[in-house]
Every structure is written in C-alpha cells, then in structure tokens.
Amino acid sequence: MELLITLGTDDGENLTDGHACDAKFFYLYKFSDDREKYVEQSRNIELGAGQYLESERPEMAMAKAAVSEDLNASVGREFGLGLPNLLKQFVRVLLRIGSLSKAVEVVCDNLNGIGEDRDKGEDRRHIVLKS
C-alpha cells in the first residue's frame, strides 16, 4: 500500500497548533510498507494581495482539497468546520503530538488503518491516533 499524506506545520519541526488547514506549510510524504519518503513542502493557499479565504468556512475546505487531488490523508492536531466536506476528499487524521518527526513515526505505525479508512470513500470518518 502507498499513501500520500500531508502534515501541516508553521515551523518545519512541529505540527501546527491551530487547525491543520491553517498551517503556513504542508509537508507531503509518501508512505509505504513501514517507511516514509519526504516528497515536498508547499505553502498554504493565498488568494493574492494578502487576502485569504475565511478560516472555518466550507469554501476554504473545498479550495484546499481541490489543490491535492491525489492526496490520501492529512494529519493535524485540530480540524475546523470544513471537516465533513474534506472527508469526502481524503482521510483526516487527528494526532495530538507536537513533533513532526514523531507524527511521521505514528503515521507509519498506523498506515494500514489509514489505508482502510481511505478505501471507505465518502463513508469515511476522521481517525484519532495516540502516540
């Protein structure tokens, strides 16, 4: 099994403290068979001229989901009101861990469960993982 998963971060070392979709950066990883490979870093969506979609609006969630059609899951410490819309696009993994490296480790350890939830399609629910 191979999954593309993003982790939201503001500093490159920790998961963002706020909602995952409000992170400054998204780190994309390819996970497969108990290993991970860092793919790329991307900046969060900006509409231009310093304007952003309002946080916690369904429009924000749909705009962010449209950016990553191949994405299988996203990991964060919190998710906002757009969660039901995003679940139609990919798995949301709630993880109350600060460290990005520890979060990657926990995702590796739970890859099968994340993959099973991905396969449920629009019937999926968010996943809560513990370290």
C-alpha atoms as a PDB file:
ATOM      1  CA  MET A   1       0.000   0.000   0.000  1.00  0.00           C
ATOM      2  CA  GLU A   2       1.193   3.514  -0.805  1.00  0.00           C
ATOM      3  CA  LEU A   3      -0.380   6.686   0.600  1.00  0.00           C
ATOM      4  CA  LEU A   4       0.300  10.387   0.034  1.00  0.00           C
ATOM      5  CA  ILE A   5      -0.188  12.235   3.312  1.00  0.00           C
ATOM      6  CA  THR A   6       0.324  15.867   4.310  1.00  0.00           C
ATOM      7  CA  LEU A   7       1.280  17.217   7.697  1.00  0.00           C
ATOM      8  CA  GLY A   8       0.582  20.877   8.468  1.00  0.00           C
ATOM      9  CA  THR A   9       3.384  22.896  10.091  1.00  0.00           C
ATOM     10  CA  ASP A  10       4.279  26.503  10.770  1.00  0.00           C
ATOM     11  CA  ASP A  11       7.947  25.969  11.637  1.00  0.00           C
ATOM     12  CA  GLY A  12       9.012  22.730   9.915  1.00  0.00           C
ATOM     13  CA  GLU A  13       9.548  20.974  13.253  1.00  0.00           C
ATOM     14  CA  ASN A  14       6.091  20.720  14.845  1.00  0.00           C
ATOM     15  CA  LEU A  15       2.524  20.163  13.753  1.00  0.00           C
ATOM     16  CA  THR A  16       0.708  23.485  13.692  1.00  0.00           C
ATOM     17  CA  ASP A  17      -1.004  24.357  16.976  1.00  0.00           C
ATOM     18  CA  GLY A  18      -4.220  25.501  15.286  1.00  0.00           C
ATOM     19  CA  HIS A  19      -6.388  23.921  12.634  1.00  0.00           C
ATOM     20  CA  ALA A  20      -4.393  21.799  10.209  1.00  0.00           C
ATOM     21  CA  CYS A  21      -5.714  23.722   7.196  1.00  0.00           C
ATOM     22  CA  ASP A  22      -4.419  26.991   8.675  1.00  0.00           C
ATOM     23  CA  ALA A  23      -0.787  25.828   8.704  1.00  0.00           C
ATOM     24  CA  LYS A  24       1.750  28.012   6.874  1.00  0.00           C
ATOM     25  CA  PHE A  25       3.231  24.961   5.141  1.00  0.00           C
ATOM     26  CA  PHE A  26       2.226  21.440   4.207  1.00  0.00           C
ATOM     27  CA  TYR A  27       4.860  18.712   4.124  1.00  0.00           C
ATOM     28  CA  LEU A  28       3.925  15.936   1.722  1.00  0.00           C
ATOM     29  CA  TYR A  29       5.143  12.415   2.447  1.00  0.00           C
ATOM     30  CA  LYS A  30       4.765   9.161   0.544  1.00  0.00           C
ATOM     31  CA  PHE A  31       4.228   6.306   2.997  1.00  0.00           C
ATOM     32  CA  SER A  32       4.591   2.647   2.045  1.00  0.00           C
ATOM     33  CA  ASP A  33       5.477  -0.604   3.817  1.00  0.00           C
ATOM     34  CA  ASP A  34       6.610   0.857   7.147  1.00  0.00           C
ATOM     35  CA  ARG A  35       8.753   3.592   5.612  1.00  0.00           C
ATOM     36  CA  GLU A  36       8.235   7.143   4.531  1.00  0.00           C
ATOM     37  CA  LYS A  37       9.734   9.427   1.929  1.00  0.00           C
ATOM     38  CA  TYR A  38       9.570  13.212   2.137  1.00  0.00           C
ATOM     39  CA  VAL A  39       8.236  14.490  -1.211  1.00  0.00           C
ATOM     40  CA  GLU A  40       7.860  18.261  -0.977  1.00  0.00           C
ATOM     41  CA  GLN A  41       6.904  21.326   1.012  1.00  0.00           C
ATOM     42  CA  SER A  42       4.162  23.655  -0.188  1.00  0.00           C
ATOM     43  CA  ARG A  43       2.899  26.982   1.127  1.00  0.00           C
ATOM     44  CA  ASN A  44      -0.697  27.323   2.185  1.00  0.00           C
ATOM     45  CA  ILE A  45      -3.205  28.869  -0.235  1.00  0.00           C
ATOM     46  CA  GLU A  46      -3.238  32.624  -0.562  1.00  0.00           C
ATOM     47  CA  LEU A  47      -5.705  34.362  -2.864  1.00  0.00           C
ATOM     48  CA  GLY A  48      -3.334  37.203  -3.648  1.00  0.00           C
ATOM     49  CA  ALA A  49      -2.669  40.673  -2.261  1.00  0.00           C
ATOM     50  CA  GLY A  50      -2.546  39.211   1.247  1.00  0.00           C
ATOM     51  CA  GLN A  51      -6.164  38.005   1.117  1.00  0.00           C
ATOM     52  CA  TYR A  52      -7.177  34.592   2.387  1.00  0.00           C
ATOM     53  CA  LEU A  53     -10.450  32.726   2.437  1.00  0.00           C
ATOM     54  CA  GLU A  54     -12.089  32.983   5.829  1.00  0.00           C
ATOM     55  CA  SER A  55     -10.971  30.227   8.141  1.00  0.00           C
ATOM     56  CA  GLU A  56     -13.538  27.548   9.059  1.00  0.00           C
ATOM     57  CA  ARG A  57     -15.720  28.212   6.014  1.00  0.00           C
ATOM     58  CA  PRO A  58     -16.711  25.282   3.771  1.00  0.00           C
ATOM     59  CA  GLU A  59     -15.335  27.261   0.807  1.00  0.00           C
ATOM     60  CA  MET A  60     -11.900  27.240   2.442  1.00  0.00           C
ATOM     61  CA  ALA A  61     -12.037  23.493   2.961  1.00  0.00           C
ATOM     62  CA  MET A  62     -13.100  22.825  -0.625  1.00  0.00           C
ATOM     63  CA  ALA A  63     -10.431  25.144  -2.052  1.00  0.00           C
ATOM     64  CA  LYS A  64      -7.706  23.382  -0.098  1.00  0.00           C
ATOM     65  CA  ALA A  65      -8.990  19.926  -1.005  1.00  0.00           C
ATOM     66  CA  ALA A  66      -9.006  20.832  -4.698  1.00  0.00           C
ATOM     67  CA  VAL A  67      -5.285  21.541  -4.568  1.00  0.00           C
ATOM     68  CA  SER A  68      -4.384  17.939  -3.783  1.00  0.00           C
ATOM     69  CA  GLU A  69      -6.450  15.535  -5.860  1.00  0.00           C
ATOM     70  CA  ASP A  70      -4.002  12.656  -5.282  1.00  0.00           C
ATOM     71  CA  LEU A  71      -3.844  13.221  -1.542  1.00  0.00           C
ATOM     72  CA  ASN A  72      -4.975  10.271   0.588  1.00  0.00           C
ATOM     73  CA  ALA A  73      -4.844  11.805   4.076  1.00  0.00           C
ATOM     74  CA  SER A  74      -3.950  14.880   6.108  1.00  0.00           C
ATOM     75  CA  VAL A  75      -2.594  14.911   9.660  1.00  0.00           C
ATOM     76  CA  GLY A  76      -3.191  17.671  12.190  1.00  0.00           C
ATOM     77  CA  ARG A  77      -3.801  18.485  15.824  1.00  0.00           C
ATOM     78  CA  GLU A  78      -7.180  20.148  15.072  1.00  0.00           C
ATOM     79  CA  PHE A  79      -9.645  20.361  12.194  1.00  0.00           C
ATOM     80  CA  GLY A  80     -12.304  23.018  11.641  1.00  0.00           C
ATOM     81  CA  LEU A  81     -15.898  23.151  10.477  1.00  0.00           C
ATOM     82  CA  GLY A  82     -14.934  22.109   6.951  1.00  0.00           C
ATOM     83  CA  LEU A  83     -14.133  18.595   8.163  1.00  0.00           C
ATOM     84  CA  PRO A  84     -17.283  16.929   6.714  1.00  0.00           C
ATOM     85  CA  ASN A  85     -16.505  18.341   3.252  1.00  0.00           C
ATOM     86  CA  LEU A  86     -12.866  17.296   3.437  1.00  0.00           C
ATOM     87  CA  LEU A  87     -13.736  13.746   4.475  1.00  0.00           C
ATOM     88  CA  LYS A  88     -15.262  13.293   1.025  1.00  0.00           C
ATOM     89  CA  GLN A  89     -11.830  14.059  -0.441  1.00  0.00           C
ATOM     90  CA  PHE A  90      -9.376  12.298   1.884  1.00  0.00           C
ATOM     91  CA  VAL A  91      -8.862  10.866   5.376  1.00  0.00           C
ATOM     92  CA  ARG A  92      -8.357  13.310   8.241  1.00  0.00           C
ATOM     93  CA  VAL A  93      -6.047  12.064  10.983  1.00  0.00           C
ATOM     94  CA  LEU A  94      -6.238  13.803  14.349  1.00  0.00           C
ATOM     95  CA  LEU A  95      -2.976  13.464  16.241  1.00  0.00           C
ATOM     96  CA  ARG A  96      -2.209  15.348  19.470  1.00  0.00           C
ATOM     97  CA  ILE A  97       1.568  15.209  19.073  1.00  0.00           C
ATOM     98  CA  GLY A  98       3.719  18.308  18.719  1.00  0.00           C
ATOM     99  CA  SER A  99       6.792  16.930  16.952  1.00  0.00           C
ATOM    100  CA  LEU A 100       6.604  16.466  13.174  1.00  0.00           C
ATOM    101  CA  SER A 101       9.116  13.594  13.286  1.00  0.00           C
ATOM    102  CA  LYS A 102       7.083  11.781  15.976  1.00  0.00           C
ATOM    103  CA  ALA A 103       3.901  12.357  13.951  1.00  0.00           C
ATOM    104  CA  VAL A 104       5.549  10.711  10.916  1.00  0.00           C
ATOM    105  CA  GLU A 105       6.511   7.751  13.095  1.00  0.00           C
ATOM    106  CA  VAL A 106       2.942   7.332  14.429  1.00  0.00           C
ATOM    107  CA  VAL A 107       1.511   7.536  10.894  1.00  0.00           C
ATOM    108  CA  CYS A 108       3.933   4.791   9.773  1.00  0.00           C
ATOM    109  CA  ASP A 109       2.784   2.601  12.653  1.00  0.00           C
ATOM    110  CA  ASN A 110      -0.886   3.103  11.681  1.00  0.00           C
ATOM    111  CA  LEU A 111      -0.648   3.049   7.897  1.00  0.00           C
ATOM    112  CA  ASN A 112      -2.942   0.043   7.428  1.00  0.00           C
ATOM    113  CA  GLY A 113      -5.762   1.652   9.410  1.00  0.00           C
ATOM    114  CA  ILE A 114      -5.427   4.891   7.458  1.00  0.00           C
ATOM    115  CA  GLY A 115      -5.500   2.921   4.200  1.00  0.00           C
ATOM    116  CA  GLU A 116      -8.612   1.012   5.275  1.00  0.00           C
ATOM    117  CA  ASP A 117     -10.389   4.266   6.055  1.00  0.00           C
ATOM    118  CA  ARG A 118      -9.326   5.750   2.714  1.00  0.00           C
ATOM    119  CA  ASP A 119     -10.978   2.826   0.958  1.00  0.00           C
ATOM    120  CA  LYS A 120     -14.352   3.637   2.560  1.00  0.00           C
ATOM    121  CA  GLY A 121     -14.775   6.585   0.181  1.00  0.00           C
ATOM    122  CA  GLU A 122     -17.369   9.162   1.195  1.00  0.00           C
ATOM    123  CA  ASP A 123     -18.450   6.988   4.136  1.00  0.00           C
ATOM    124  CA  ARG A 124     -15.136   7.575   5.922  1.00  0.00           C
ATOM    125  CA  ARG A 125     -14.817   9.266   9.308  1.00  0.00           C
ATOM    126  CA  HIS A 126     -11.836  11.014  10.830  1.00  0.00           C
ATOM    127  CA  ILE A 127      -9.259   8.929  12.668  1.00  0.00           C
ATOM    128  CA  VAL A 128      -7.853   9.752  16.103  1.00  0.00           C
ATOM    129  CA  LEU A 129      -4.380   8.326  16.732  1.00  0.00           C
ATOM    130  CA  LYS A 130      -2.487   8.210  20.008  1.00  0.00           C
ATOM    131  CA  SER A 131       1.261   8.035  20.411  1.00  0.00           C
END
